[in-house]
Amino acid sequence: QVQLVESGGGLVQAGGSLRLSCVASGSIFSINRMGWYRQAPGKQRELVATFTPGGTTNYADSVKGRFTISGDNAKNTVYLEMNSLKPEDTAVYYCHAEVQPVGPIRYRADYWGKGTQVTVSS
């Protein structure tokens, strides 16, 4: 089994910064991609940013220039540096990983963390 544990959420004023971390552990053969999604009340979960072990990143238009995703492959960890936060960034942020689990059969599976709350006050 694979577990994702997020940390770093909290309450911050508009214009402030937060850094989220997510560590993947368990029966991991390799990680294809890690990323962050968010879900605000009454809205669907949406992509924030993704990171591949090769260093390729992808961002939602709404966070480009303000958020930076990075990773530590040796630690199976992904980070999200969030700057110039806005009230509309308020949401539960979920870590996601596309993993090849350990085992005789190679397959990819999606895993999610439990989420961490980010609240930006105006």
C-alpha atoms as a PDB file:
ATOM      1  CA  GLN A   1       0.000   0.000   0.000  1.00  0.00           C
ATOM      2  CA  VAL A   2       1.037   3.594  -0.607  1.00  0.00           C
ATOM      3  CA  GLN A   3       0.397   6.530   1.697  1.00  0.00           C
ATOM      4  CA  LEU A   4       0.601  10.251   1.019  1.00  0.00           C
ATOM      5  CA  VAL A   5       0.892  12.637   3.942  1.00  0.00           C
ATOM      6  CA  GLU A   6       0.511  16.388   3.457  1.00  0.00           C
ATOM      7  CA  SER A   7       1.623  19.145   5.765  1.00  0.00           C
ATOM      8  CA  GLY A   8       1.988  22.913   5.769  1.00  0.00           C
ATOM      9  CA  GLY A   9      -1.529  24.220   5.404  1.00  0.00           C
ATOM     10  CA  GLY A  10      -2.923  26.994   7.557  1.00  0.00           C
ATOM     11  CA  LEU A  11      -4.392  30.462   7.759  1.00  0.00           C
ATOM     12  CA  VAL A  12      -2.649  33.368   6.069  1.00  0.00           C
ATOM     13  CA  GLN A  13      -3.541  36.892   5.050  1.00  0.00           C
ATOM     14  CA  ALA A  14      -3.889  37.859   1.421  1.00  0.00           C
ATOM     15  CA  GLY A  15      -0.492  38.494  -0.092  1.00  0.00           C
ATOM     16  CA  GLY A  16       1.169  36.036   2.238  1.00  0.00           C
ATOM     17  CA  SER A  17       2.955  32.763   1.596  1.00  0.00           C
ATOM     18  CA  LEU A  18       2.682  29.127   2.578  1.00  0.00           C
ATOM     19  CA  ARG A  19       4.659  26.017   1.738  1.00  0.00           C
ATOM     20  CA  LEU A  20       2.998  22.637   1.434  1.00  0.00           C
ATOM     21  CA  SER A  21       4.846  19.326   1.607  1.00  0.00           C
ATOM     22  CA  CYS A  22       3.766  15.820   0.686  1.00  0.00           C
ATOM     23  CA  VAL A  23       5.661  12.634   1.415  1.00  0.00           C
ATOM     24  CA  ALA A  24       4.864   9.358  -0.326  1.00  0.00           C
ATOM     25  CA  SER A  25       5.709   6.125   1.457  1.00  0.00           C
ATOM     26  CA  GLY A  26       4.962   2.431   1.267  1.00  0.00           C
ATOM     27  CA  SER A  27       5.329  -0.171  -1.459  1.00  0.00           C
ATOM     28  CA  ILE A  28       6.649   2.172  -4.160  1.00  0.00           C
ATOM     29  CA  PHE A  29       8.624   0.869  -7.110  1.00  0.00           C
ATOM     30  CA  SER A  30       8.662   4.214  -8.877  1.00  0.00           C
ATOM     31  CA  ILE A  31       6.726   7.464  -9.052  1.00  0.00           C
ATOM     32  CA  ASN A  32       5.677   8.754 -12.443  1.00  0.00           C
ATOM     33  CA  ARG A  33       4.214  12.045 -11.308  1.00  0.00           C
ATOM     34  CA  MET A  34       3.276  13.914  -8.147  1.00  0.00           C
ATOM     35  CA  GLY A  35       1.126  16.959  -7.863  1.00  0.00           C
ATOM     36  CA  TRP A  36      -1.326  19.127  -6.004  1.00  0.00           C
ATOM     37  CA  TYR A  37      -5.030  19.555  -6.524  1.00  0.00           C
ATOM     38  CA  ARG A  38      -7.463  21.706  -4.589  1.00  0.00           C
ATOM     39  CA  GLN A  39     -11.145  21.760  -3.839  1.00  0.00           C
ATOM     40  CA  ALA A  40     -13.012  24.801  -2.610  1.00  0.00           C
ATOM     41  CA  PRO A  41     -16.452  24.522  -0.979  1.00  0.00           C
ATOM     42  CA  GLY A  42     -19.115  23.862  -3.575  1.00  0.00           C
ATOM     43  CA  LYS A  43     -16.596  23.430  -6.370  1.00  0.00           C
ATOM     44  CA  GLN A  44     -14.988  20.509  -8.157  1.00  0.00           C
ATOM     45  CA  ARG A  45     -11.463  19.399  -7.427  1.00  0.00           C
ATOM     46  CA  GLU A  46      -9.052  21.134  -9.777  1.00  0.00           C
ATOM     47  CA  LEU A  47      -5.434  20.761 -10.786  1.00  0.00           C
ATOM     48  CA  VAL A  48      -2.985  23.171  -9.208  1.00  0.00           C
ATOM     49  CA  ALA A  49       0.411  21.876 -10.332  1.00  0.00           C
ATOM     50  CA  THR A  50       2.241  18.674 -11.232  1.00  0.00           C
ATOM     51  CA  PHE A  51       5.874  17.562 -11.106  1.00  0.00           C
ATOM     52  CA  THR A  52       7.674  14.633 -12.708  1.00  0.00           C
ATOM     53  CA  PRO A  53      10.931  13.094 -11.487  1.00  0.00           C
ATOM     54  CA  GLY A  54      12.548  14.442 -14.652  1.00  0.00           C
ATOM     55  CA  GLY A  55      11.679  17.958 -13.534  1.00  0.00           C
ATOM     56  CA  THR A  56       8.787  18.692 -15.855  1.00  0.00           C
ATOM     57  CA  THR A  57       6.212  20.970 -14.240  1.00  0.00           C
ATOM     58  CA  ASN A  58       2.707  22.013 -15.146  1.00  0.00           C
ATOM     59  CA  TYR A  59       0.562  24.724 -13.572  1.00  0.00           C
ATOM     60  CA  ALA A  60      -3.013  25.880 -13.638  1.00  0.00           C
ATOM     61  CA  ASP A  61      -3.285  29.305 -15.249  1.00  0.00           C
ATOM     62  CA  SER A  62      -4.699  30.729 -12.034  1.00  0.00           C
ATOM     63  CA  VAL A  63      -1.489  30.033 -10.101  1.00  0.00           C
ATOM     64  CA  LYS A  64       1.208  30.611 -12.727  1.00  0.00           C
ATOM     65  CA  GLY A  65       3.783  33.097 -11.512  1.00  0.00           C
ATOM     66  CA  ARG A  66       2.663  32.745  -7.894  1.00  0.00           C
ATOM     67  CA  PHE A  67       3.079  29.045  -7.059  1.00  0.00           C
ATOM     68  CA  THR A  68       6.145  26.869  -7.548  1.00  0.00           C
ATOM     69  CA  ILE A  69       6.149  23.083  -7.414  1.00  0.00           C
ATOM     70  CA  SER A  70       9.326  21.141  -6.771  1.00  0.00           C
ATOM     71  CA  GLY A  71      10.332  17.698  -5.654  1.00  0.00           C
ATOM     72  CA  ASP A  72      12.966  15.607  -3.946  1.00  0.00           C
ATOM     73  CA  ASN A  73      13.062  12.297  -5.796  1.00  0.00           C
ATOM     74  CA  ALA A  74      15.236  10.598  -3.193  1.00  0.00           C
ATOM     75  CA  LYS A  75      12.676  11.406  -0.511  1.00  0.00           C
ATOM     76  CA  ASN A  76       9.536  10.809  -2.617  1.00  0.00           C
ATOM     77  CA  THR A  77       8.493  14.299  -1.612  1.00  0.00           C
ATOM     78  CA  VAL A  78       6.826  17.130  -3.471  1.00  0.00           C
ATOM     79  CA  TYR A  79       6.547  20.727  -2.337  1.00  0.00           C
ATOM     80  CA  LEU A  80       4.289  23.596  -3.280  1.00  0.00           C
ATOM     81  CA  GLU A  81       5.545  27.076  -2.559  1.00  0.00           C
ATOM     82  CA  MET A  82       2.597  29.457  -2.641  1.00  0.00           C
ATOM     83  CA  ASN A  83       3.236  33.201  -2.792  1.00  0.00           C
ATOM     84  CA  SER A  84       0.984  36.228  -3.254  1.00  0.00           C
ATOM     85  CA  LEU A  85      -1.919  34.218  -1.941  1.00  0.00           C
ATOM     86  CA  LYS A  86      -5.435  35.394  -2.692  1.00  0.00           C
ATOM     87  CA  PRO A  87      -8.730  34.660  -0.924  1.00  0.00           C
ATOM     88  CA  GLU A  88      -9.756  32.621  -3.970  1.00  0.00           C
ATOM     89  CA  ASP A  89      -6.878  30.235  -3.225  1.00  0.00           C
ATOM     90  CA  THR A  90      -8.777  29.099  -0.140  1.00  0.00           C
ATOM     91  CA  ALA A  91      -9.409  25.365  -0.465  1.00  0.00           C
ATOM     92  CA  VAL A  92      -8.435  21.938   0.753  1.00  0.00           C
ATOM     93  CA  TYR A  93      -5.230  21.026  -1.025  1.00  0.00           C
ATOM     94  CA  TYR A  94      -4.721  17.372  -1.915  1.00  0.00           C
ATOM     95  CA  CYS A  95      -1.494  15.652  -2.823  1.00  0.00           C
ATOM     96  CA  HIS A  96      -1.653  13.165  -5.690  1.00  0.00           C
ATOM     97  CA  ALA A  97       0.851  10.604  -6.903  1.00  0.00           C
ATOM     98  CA  GLU A  98       0.844   8.280  -9.902  1.00  0.00           C
ATOM     99  CA  VAL A  99       2.797   5.301  -8.672  1.00  0.00           C
ATOM    100  CA  GLN A 100       4.088   1.977  -9.885  1.00  0.00           C
ATOM    101  CA  PRO A 101       3.728  -0.198  -6.774  1.00  0.00           C
ATOM    102  CA  VAL A 102       6.193  -2.916  -5.847  1.00  0.00           C
ATOM    103  CA  GLY A 103       5.147  -6.325  -7.159  1.00  0.00           C
ATOM    104  CA  PRO A 104       5.503  -8.862  -9.956  1.00  0.00           C
ATOM    105  CA  ILE A 105       3.012  -7.048 -12.172  1.00  0.00           C
ATOM    106  CA  ARG A 106       3.780  -3.582 -13.440  1.00  0.00           C
ATOM    107  CA  TYR A 107       0.833  -1.212 -13.305  1.00  0.00           C
ATOM    108  CA  ARG A 108       0.116   2.406 -12.430  1.00  0.00           C
ATOM    109  CA  ALA A 109      -2.163   3.487  -9.658  1.00  0.00           C
ATOM    110  CA  ASP A 110      -3.369   6.835  -8.373  1.00  0.00           C
ATOM    111  CA  TYR A 111      -3.055   7.714  -4.714  1.00  0.00           C
ATOM    112  CA  TRP A 112      -4.366  10.698  -2.786  1.00  0.00           C
ATOM    113  CA  GLY A 113      -3.557  12.294   0.512  1.00  0.00           C
ATOM    114  CA  LYS A 114      -6.245  13.280   2.997  1.00  0.00           C
ATOM    115  CA  GLY A 115      -5.821  16.964   2.253  1.00  0.00           C
ATOM    116  CA  THR A 116      -4.647  20.046   4.087  1.00  0.00           C
ATOM    117  CA  GLN A 117      -6.692  23.207   4.550  1.00  0.00           C
ATOM    118  CA  VAL A 118      -5.395  26.499   3.179  1.00  0.00           C
ATOM    119  CA  THR A 119      -7.363  29.582   4.171  1.00  0.00           C
ATOM    120  CA  VAL A 120      -6.505  33.038   2.858  1.00  0.00           C
ATOM    121  CA  SER A 121      -8.182  35.954   4.579  1.00  0.00           C
ATOM    122  CA  SER A 122      -8.809  39.259   2.872  1.00  0.00           C
END
